[in-house]
Structures are given as C-alpha cells and as structure tokens.
PDB file of N, CA and C in Angstrom:
ATOM      1  N   MET A   1     135.485 141.836 110.777  1.00  0.00           N
ATOM      2  CA  MET A   1     135.152 143.308 110.683  1.00  0.00           C
ATOM      3  C   MET A   1     136.208 144.072 111.474  1.00  0.00           C
ATOM      4  N   ILE A   2     136.880 145.146 111.009  1.00  0.00           N
ATOM      5  CA  ILE A   2     137.670 145.836 111.623  1.00  0.00           C
ATOM      6  C   ILE A   2     137.049 147.198 112.030  1.00  0.00           C
ATOM      7  N   ARG A   3     137.294 147.434 113.502  1.00  0.00           N
ATOM      8  CA  ARG A   3     136.977 148.493 114.129  1.00  0.00           C
ATOM      9  C   ARG A   3     137.881 149.376 114.505  1.00  0.00           C
ATOM     10  N   PHE A   4     137.587 150.761 113.934  1.00  0.00           N
ATOM     11  CA  PHE A   4     138.554 151.857 114.195  1.00  0.00           C
ATOM     12  C   PHE A   4     138.205 152.636 115.256  1.00  0.00           C
ATOM     13  N   GLN A   5     139.145 152.846 116.339  1.00  0.00           N
ATOM     14  CA  GLN A   5     138.835 153.452 117.666  1.00  0.00           C
ATOM     15  C   GLN A   5     138.730 154.865 117.626  1.00  0.00           C
ATOM     16  N   GLN A   6     137.543 155.722 118.027  1.00  0.00           N
ATOM     17  CA  GLN A   6     137.675 157.127 117.730  1.00  0.00           C
ATOM     18  C   GLN A   6     138.539 157.750 118.745  1.00  0.00           C
ATOM     19  N   ASN A   7     139.105 158.765 118.313  1.00  0.00           N
ATOM     20  CA  ASN A   7     139.849 159.636 119.142  1.00  0.00           C
ATOM     21  C   ASN A   7     141.424 158.976 119.194  1.00  0.00           C
ATOM     22  N   ALA A   8     141.616 158.186 118.353  1.00  0.00           N
ATOM     23  CA  ALA A   8     142.856 157.112 118.510  1.00  0.00           C
ATOM     24  C   ALA A   8     144.343 157.939 118.510  1.00  0.00           C
ATOM     25  N   ARG A   9     145.216 157.676 119.129  1.00  0.00           N
ATOM     26  CA  ARG A   9     146.481 158.435 119.133  1.00  0.00           C
ATOM     27  C   ARG A   9     147.142 158.002 118.242  1.00  0.00           C
ATOM     28  N   PRO A  10     147.860 158.826 117.498  1.00  0.00           N
ATOM     29  CA  PRO A  10     148.810 158.226 116.446  1.00  0.00           C
ATOM     30  C   PRO A  10     150.128 157.224 116.923  1.00  0.00           C
ATOM     31  N   ARG A  11     150.336 156.334 116.225  1.00  0.00           N
ATOM     32  CA  ARG A  11     151.704 155.465 116.948  1.00  0.00           C
ATOM     33  C   ARG A  11     152.845 156.580 116.972  1.00  0.00           C
ATOM     34  N   THR A  12     153.535 156.038 118.453  1.00  0.00           N
ATOM     35  CA  THR A  12     154.651 156.865 118.378  1.00  0.00           C
ATOM     36  C   THR A  12     156.112 156.128 118.762  1.00  0.00           C
ATOM     37  N   ASP A  13     155.702 154.579 118.285  1.00  0.00           N
ATOM     38  CA  ASP A  13     156.875 153.843 118.461  1.00  0.00           C
ATOM     39  C   ASP A  13     157.927 153.861 117.198  1.00  0.00           C
ATOM     40  N   THR A  14     157.632 154.605 116.127  1.00  0.00           N
ATOM     41  CA  THR A  14     158.543 154.807 115.045  1.00  0.00           C
ATOM     42  C   THR A  14     159.120 156.141 115.191  1.00  0.00           C
ATOM     43  N   PRO A  15     160.251 156.297 115.394  1.00  0.00           N
ATOM     44  CA  PRO A  15     160.975 157.633 115.785  1.00  0.00           C
ATOM     45  C   PRO A  15     160.781 158.758 114.066  1.00  0.00           C
ATOM     46  N   ALA A  16     160.567 159.644 114.244  1.00  0.00           N
ATOM     47  CA  ALA A  16     160.380 160.700 113.402  1.00  0.00           C
ATOM     48  C   ALA A  16     161.772 160.931 112.541  1.00  0.00           C
ATOM     49  N   HIS A  17     161.698 161.404 111.377  1.00  0.00           N
ATOM     50  CA  HIS A  17     163.110 161.868 110.902  1.00  0.00           C
ATOM     51  C   HIS A  17     163.031 163.515 111.483  1.00  0.00           C
ATOM     52  N   LEU A  18     164.654 163.786 111.663  1.00  0.00           N
ATOM     53  CA  LEU A  18     165.013 165.134 112.133  1.00  0.00           C
ATOM     54  C   LEU A  18     165.291 165.758 111.195  1.00  0.00           C
ATOM     55  N   PHE A  19     165.701 165.586 110.173  1.00  0.00           N
ATOM     56  CA  PHE A  19     166.501 166.259 108.935  1.00  0.00           C
ATOM     57  C   PHE A  19     165.368 166.264 107.692  1.00  0.00           C
ATOM     58  N   THR A  20     165.152 167.183 106.941  1.00  0.00           N
ATOM     59  CA  THR A  20     164.376 167.445 105.893  1.00  0.00           C
ATOM     60  C   THR A  20     165.149 167.265 104.565  1.00  0.00           C
ATOM     61  N   VAL A  21     164.700 166.778 103.380  1.00  0.00           N
ATOM     62  CA  VAL A  21     165.222 166.677 102.201  1.00  0.00           C
ATOM     63  C   VAL A  21     165.734 167.980 101.672  1.00  0.00           C
ATOM     64  N   GLY A  22     166.929 168.085 101.283  1.00  0.00           N
ATOM     65  CA  GLY A  22     167.516 169.396 100.807  1.00  0.00           C
ATOM     66  C   GLY A  22     168.331 170.141 101.999  1.00  0.00           C
ATOM     67  N   GLN A  23     168.585 169.692 103.086  1.00  0.00           N
ATOM     68  CA  GLN A  23     168.767 170.146 104.060  1.00  0.00           C
ATOM     69  C   GLN A  23     170.757 169.813 104.218  1.00  0.00           C
ATOM     70  N   THR A  24     171.505 170.464 104.777  1.00  0.00           N
ATOM     71  CA  THR A  24     172.900 170.039 104.634  1.00  0.00           C
ATOM     72  C   THR A  24     173.118 169.820 105.948  1.00  0.00           C
ATOM     73  N   VAL A  25     174.042 168.674 105.941  1.00  0.00           N
ATOM     74  CA  VAL A  25     174.368 168.026 107.173  1.00  0.00           C
ATOM     75  C   VAL A  25     175.650 167.646 107.270  1.00  0.00           C
ATOM     76  N   ARG A  26     176.331 166.992 108.179  1.00  0.00           N
ATOM     77  CA  ARG A  26     177.777 166.466 108.512  1.00  0.00           C
ATOM     78  C   ARG A  26     177.679 165.325 109.055  1.00  0.00           C
ATOM     79  N   MET A  27     178.583 164.448 109.005  1.00  0.00           N
ATOM     80  CA  MET A  27     178.880 163.479 109.644  1.00  0.00           C
ATOM     81  C   MET A  27     179.426 163.566 110.980  1.00  0.00           C
ATOM     82  N   LYS A  28     178.805 163.198 112.092  1.00  0.00           N
ATOM     83  CA  LYS A  28     179.307 163.487 113.452  1.00  0.00           C
ATOM     84  C   LYS A  28     181.017 163.206 113.465  1.00  0.00           C
ATOM     85  N   SER A  29     181.486 164.099 114.259  1.00  0.00           N
ATOM     86  CA  SER A  29     182.882 163.953 114.332  1.00  0.00           C
ATOM     87  C   SER A  29     183.228 162.441 115.250  1.00  0.00           C
ATOM     88  N   ARG A  30     184.300 162.002 114.734  1.00  0.00           N
ATOM     89  CA  ARG A  30     184.830 160.650 115.607  1.00  0.00           C
ATOM     90  C   ARG A  30     186.000 161.066 116.087  1.00  0.00           C
ATOM     91  N   THR A  31     186.394 160.698 117.432  1.00  0.00           N
ATOM     92  CA  THR A  31     187.308 160.889 118.196  1.00  0.00           C
ATOM     93  C   THR A  31     188.486 161.021 117.376  1.00  0.00           C
ATOM     94  N   GLY A  32     189.392 161.746 117.332  1.00  0.00           N
ATOM     95  CA  GLY A  32     190.809 161.867 116.704  1.00  0.00           C
ATOM     96  C   GLY A  32     190.643 162.436 115.218  1.00  0.00           C
ATOM     97  N   LEU A  33     189.725 162.443 114.768  1.00  0.00           N
ATOM     98  CA  LEU A  33     189.458 162.886 113.537  1.00  0.00           C
ATOM     99  C   LEU A  33     189.076 164.462 113.104  1.00  0.00           C
ATOM    100  N   ALA A  34     189.602 165.252 112.415  1.00  0.00           N
ATOM    101  CA  ALA A  34     189.050 166.535 112.191  1.00  0.00           C
ATOM    102  C   ALA A  34     188.255 166.590 111.146  1.00  0.00           C
ATOM    103  N   GLN A  35     187.132 167.756 111.544  1.00  0.00           N
ATOM    104  CA  GLN A  35     185.988 168.051 110.500  1.00  0.00           C
ATOM    105  C   GLN A  35     186.640 168.879 109.322  1.00  0.00           C
ATOM    106  N   LYS A  36     186.300 168.526 108.131  1.00  0.00           N
ATOM    107  CA  LYS A  36     186.590 169.405 106.971  1.00  0.00           C
ATOM    108  C   LYS A  36     185.263 170.050 106.402  1.00  0.00           C
ATOM    109  N   ALA A  37     185.255 170.936 105.763  1.00  0.00           N
ATOM    110  CA  ALA A  37     184.153 171.715 105.165  1.00  0.00           C
ATOM    111  C   ALA A  37     183.840 170.824 103.959  1.00  0.00           C
ATOM    112  N   ALA A  38     184.811 170.069 103.299  1.00  0.00           N
ATOM    113  CA  ALA A  38     184.162 169.186 102.241  1.00  0.00           C
ATOM    114  C   ALA A  38     183.287 168.005 102.666  1.00  0.00           C
ATOM    115  N   GLU A  39     183.385 167.808 104.079  1.00  0.00           N
ATOM    116  CA  GLU A  39     182.641 166.745 104.337  1.00  0.00           C
ATOM    117  C   GLU A  39     181.110 167.007 104.742  1.00  0.00           C
ATOM    118  N   LEU A  40     180.501 168.053 104.160  1.00  0.00           N
ATOM    119  CA  LEU A  40     179.192 168.411 104.008  1.00  0.00           C
ATOM    120  C   LEU A  40     178.408 167.673 103.005  1.00  0.00           C
ATOM    121  N   PHE A  41     177.389 167.299 103.465  1.00  0.00           N
ATOM    122  CA  PHE A  41     176.279 166.528 102.764  1.00  0.00           C
ATOM    123  C   PHE A  41     174.834 166.807 102.427  1.00  0.00           C
ATOM    124  N   GLN A  42     174.285 166.760 101.255  1.00  0.00           N
ATOM    125  CA  GLN A  42     172.855 167.122 101.234  1.00  0.00           C
ATOM    126  C   GLN A  42     171.872 165.799 101.228  1.00  0.00           C
ATOM    127  N   ILE A  43     170.810 166.146 102.111  1.00  0.00           N
ATOM    128  CA  ILE A  43     169.831 164.919 102.349  1.00  0.00           C
ATOM    129  C   ILE A  43     169.079 164.782 101.132  1.00  0.00           C
ATOM    130  N   LYS A  44     169.183 163.808 100.481  1.00  0.00           N
ATOM    131  CA  LYS A  44     168.752 163.408  98.858  1.00  0.00           C
ATOM    132  C   LYS A  44     167.343 162.748  99.206  1.00  0.00           C
ATOM    133  N   SER A  45     167.199 162.004 100.265  1.00  0.00           N
ATOM    134  CA  SER A  45     166.012 161.266 100.626  1.00  0.00           C
ATOM    135  C   SER A  45     165.925 160.765 102.135  1.00  0.00           C
ATOM    136  N   ARG A  46     164.759 160.624 102.642  1.00  0.00           N
ATOM    137  CA  ARG A  46     164.485 159.612 103.573  1.00  0.00           C
ATOM    138  C   ARG A  46     164.132 158.570 103.456  1.00  0.00           C
ATOM    139  N   LEU A  47     164.462 157.520 104.279  1.00  0.00           N
ATOM    140  CA  LEU A  47     164.538 156.047 104.046  1.00  0.00           C
ATOM    141  C   LEU A  47     163.861 155.619 105.446  1.00  0.00           C
ATOM    142  N   PRO A  48     163.581 154.533 105.458  1.00  0.00           N
ATOM    143  CA  PRO A  48     162.774 153.643 106.683  1.00  0.00           C
ATOM    144  C   PRO A  48     163.858 153.640 107.716  1.00  0.00           C
ATOM    145  N   VAL A  49     163.044 153.531 108.833  1.00  0.00           N
ATOM    146  CA  VAL A  49     163.942 153.292 110.082  1.00  0.00           C
ATOM    147  C   VAL A  49     164.749 151.901 110.212  1.00  0.00           C
ATOM    148  N   LYS A  50     166.100 152.086 110.558  1.00  0.00           N
ATOM    149  CA  LYS A  50     166.801 150.972 110.840  1.00  0.00           C
ATOM    150  C   LYS A  50     167.394 150.960 112.158  1.00  0.00           C
ATOM    151  N   ASP A  51     167.164 149.735 112.912  1.00  0.00           N
ATOM    152  CA  ASP A  51     167.627 149.697 114.176  1.00  0.00           C
ATOM    153  C   ASP A  51     167.168 150.614 115.146  1.00  0.00           C
ATOM    154  N   GLY A  52     165.897 151.357 114.916  1.00  0.00           N
ATOM    155  CA  GLY A  52     165.478 152.508 115.874  1.00  0.00           C
ATOM    156  C   GLY A  52     165.985 153.769 115.370  1.00  0.00           C
ATOM    157  N   SER A  53     166.795 153.858 114.303  1.00  0.00           N
ATOM    158  CA  SER A  53     167.184 155.134 113.789  1.00  0.00           C
ATOM    159  C   SER A  53     166.797 155.405 112.453  1.00  0.00           C
ATOM    160  N   PRO A  54     166.138 156.519 112.162  1.00  0.00           N
ATOM    161  CA  PRO A  54     165.758 156.781 110.589  1.00  0.00           C
ATOM    162  C   PRO A  54     166.980 156.935 109.805  1.00  0.00           C
ATOM    163  N   GLN A  55     166.584 156.685 109.000  1.00  0.00           N
ATOM    164  CA  GLN A  55     167.924 156.562 107.642  1.00  0.00           C
ATOM    165  C   GLN A  55     167.667 157.772 106.369  1.00  0.00           C
ATOM    166  N   TYR A  56     168.876 157.851 105.950  1.00  0.00           N
ATOM    167  CA  TYR A  56     168.909 159.080 104.830  1.00  0.00           C
ATOM    168  C   TYR A  56     169.683 158.575 103.947  1.00  0.00           C
ATOM    169  N   ARG A  57     169.322 158.993 102.479  1.00  0.00           N
ATOM    170  CA  ARG A  57     170.303 158.854 101.483  1.00  0.00           C
ATOM    171  C   ARG A  57     170.895 160.311 101.335  1.00  0.00           C
ATOM    172  N   ILE A  58     172.277 160.511 101.413  1.00  0.00           N
ATOM    173  CA  ILE A  58     173.013 161.432 101.267  1.00  0.00           C
ATOM    174  C   ILE A  58     174.131 161.769 100.115  1.00  0.00           C
ATOM    175  N   ARG A  59     174.324 163.147  99.793  1.00  0.00           N
ATOM    176  CA  ARG A  59     175.419 163.143  98.683  1.00  0.00           C
ATOM    177  C   ARG A  59     175.843 164.390  99.036  1.00  0.00           C
ATOM    178  N   SER A  60     177.528 164.161  98.478  1.00  0.00           N
ATOM    179  CA  SER A  60     178.588 165.314  98.692  1.00  0.00           C
ATOM    180  C   SER A  60     178.705 165.834  97.365  1.00  0.00           C
ATOM    181  N   ASP A  61     179.023 167.227  97.010  1.00  0.00           N
ATOM    182  CA  ASP A  61     179.221 167.834  95.901  1.00  0.00           C
ATOM    183  C   ASP A  61     180.761 167.194  95.277  1.00  0.00           C
ATOM    184  N   GLN A  62     181.647 166.689  96.603  1.00  0.00           N
ATOM    185  CA  GLN A  62     182.841 166.262  96.011  1.00  0.00           C
ATOM    186  C   GLN A  62     183.071 164.408  95.869  1.00  0.00           C
ATOM    187  N   GLU A  63     181.908 163.986  95.899  1.00  0.00           N
ATOM    188  CA  GLU A  63     181.633 162.573  95.488  1.00  0.00           C
ATOM    189  C   GLU A  63     180.900 162.400  94.371  1.00  0.00           C
ATOM    190  N   THR A  64     180.913 161.188  93.562  1.00  0.00           N
ATOM    191  CA  THR A  64     180.137 160.813  92.495  1.00  0.00           C
ATOM    192  C   THR A  64     179.096 160.123  92.681  1.00  0.00           C
ATOM    193  N   TYR A  65     178.963 159.497  94.150  1.00  0.00           N
ATOM    194  CA  TYR A  65     178.071 158.510  94.513  1.00  0.00           C
ATOM    195  C   TYR A  65     177.386 159.127  95.566  1.00  0.00           C
ATOM    196  N   GLU A  66     176.184 158.354  95.910  1.00  0.00           N
ATOM    197  CA  GLU A  66     175.373 158.848  96.985  1.00  0.00           C
ATOM    198  C   GLU A  66     175.649 157.728  98.324  1.00  0.00           C
ATOM    199  N   ARG A  67     175.514 158.302  99.563  1.00  0.00           N
ATOM    200  CA  ARG A  67     175.557 157.102 100.771  1.00  0.00           C
ATOM    201  C   ARG A  67     174.403 157.250 101.717  1.00  0.00           C
ATOM    202  N   VAL A  68     174.321 156.116 102.332  1.00  0.00           N
ATOM    203  CA  VAL A  68     173.078 155.557 102.920  1.00  0.00           C
ATOM    204  C   VAL A  68     173.637 155.668 104.537  1.00  0.00           C
ATOM    205  N   THR A  69     173.016 156.569 105.394  1.00  0.00           N
ATOM    206  CA  THR A  69     173.773 156.399 106.873  1.00  0.00           C
ATOM    207  C   THR A  69     172.274 156.501 107.517  1.00  0.00           C
ATOM    208  N   THR A  70     172.434 156.293 109.069  1.00  0.00           N
ATOM    209  CA  THR A  70     171.461 156.519 109.831  1.00  0.00           C
ATOM    210  C   THR A  70     171.430 157.877 110.651  1.00  0.00           C
ATOM    211  N   GLU A  71     170.311 158.543 111.033  1.00  0.00           N
ATOM    212  CA  GLU A  71     170.264 159.706 111.787  1.00  0.00           C
ATOM    213  C   GLU A  71     171.321 159.962 112.731  1.00  0.00           C
ATOM    214  N   ASP A  72     171.640 158.886 113.787  1.00  0.00           N
ATOM    215  CA  ASP A  72     172.512 159.071 114.792  1.00  0.00           C
ATOM    216  C   ASP A  72     173.975 159.430 114.344  1.00  0.00           C
ATOM    217  N   ASN A  73     174.338 159.061 113.140  1.00  0.00           N
ATOM    218  CA  ASN A  73     175.749 159.337 112.346  1.00  0.00           C
ATOM    219  C   ASN A  73     175.636 160.909 111.888  1.00  0.00           C
ATOM    220  N   LEU A  74     174.665 161.754 112.010  1.00  0.00           N
ATOM    221  CA  LEU A  74     174.541 162.942 111.279  1.00  0.00           C
ATOM    222  C   LEU A  74     174.160 164.125 112.318  1.00  0.00           C
ATOM    223  N   GLU A  75     174.668 165.496 112.121  1.00  0.00           N
ATOM    224  CA  GLU A  75     174.323 166.572 112.492  1.00  0.00           C
ATOM    225  C   GLU A  75     174.243 167.756 111.489  1.00  0.00           C
ATOM    226  N   ALA A  76     173.301 168.521 111.954  1.00  0.00           N
ATOM    227  CA  ALA A  76     172.834 169.739 111.194  1.00  0.00           C
ATOM    228  C   ALA A  76     174.394 170.652 111.049  1.00  0.00           C
ATOM    229  N   ALA A  77     174.363 171.000 109.567  1.00  0.00           N
ATOM    230  CA  ALA A  77     175.779 171.583 109.326  1.00  0.00           C
ATOM    231  C   ALA A  77     175.854 173.087 110.044  1.00  0.00           C
ATOM    232  N   ASP A  78     174.751 173.491 110.690  1.00  0.00           N
ATOM    233  CA  ASP A  78     175.028 174.901 111.044  1.00  0.00           C
ATOM    234  C   ASP A  78     175.296 174.919 112.725  1.00  0.00           C
ATOM    235  N   ASN A  79     175.443 173.750 112.859  1.00  0.00           N
ATOM    236  CA  ASN A  79     175.821 173.281 114.247  1.00  0.00           C
ATOM    237  C   ASN A  79     177.594 173.570 114.442  1.00  0.00           C
ATOM    238  N   PRO A  80     178.068 174.163 115.608  1.00  0.00           N
ATOM    239  CA  PRO A  80     179.624 174.293 115.609  1.00  0.00           C
ATOM    240  C   PRO A  80     179.955 173.058 115.632  1.00  0.00           C
ATOM    241  N   ALA A  81     181.213 172.640 114.861  1.00  0.00           N
ATOM    242  CA  ALA A  81     181.944 171.375 114.838  1.00  0.00           C
ATOM    243  C   ALA A  81     182.668 171.134 116.465  1.00  0.00           C
ATOM    244  N   SER A  82     182.373 169.860 116.926  1.00  0.00           N
ATOM    245  CA  SER A  82     182.771 169.465 118.264  1.00  0.00           C
ATOM    246  C   SER A  82     184.372 169.750 118.351  1.00  0.00           C
TER     247      SER A  82
END
C-alpha cells in the first residue's frame, strides 16, 4: 500500500524552465565572437532536464531546422548583449 504524506512539499531537485514557449532568446555570447541580430531564436518547446539544465527546442527564422540546447546556453533577447 502506498501512503501519501499530508502537506508534502513539492520536489525541488528538478530545476524549473526559465523561458516560455514563444519567447525570443539568443545564444549566450562566447569570448571573441560578436552577437548578431540574426542570431535570435524562438522557443518552440520545453524538453526534459539534461545534466541539471532544462532543455529547449529553438528555431531561427533564418534557418530551416530546429536546434536543441540547454538553458545555460541561452539568454533572454531583451537583455543587452555582453
């Protein structure tokens, strides 16, 4: 028999997704590489956590394919470029 604990706290060991479907993001800048406006992506779907970081399926209007990346590689597009 399974017993459920009353007033149990939700599990917090799985990180929550920071970005929402439809949000515009960009890849975080890498040292020595300039950011371009063309490098904007739209979140198409949320995927399971991989190595402690939530994953996303993203797509750029300039590309004919979708990419999969982890949250630690993304930043909101409304943030100023580094």
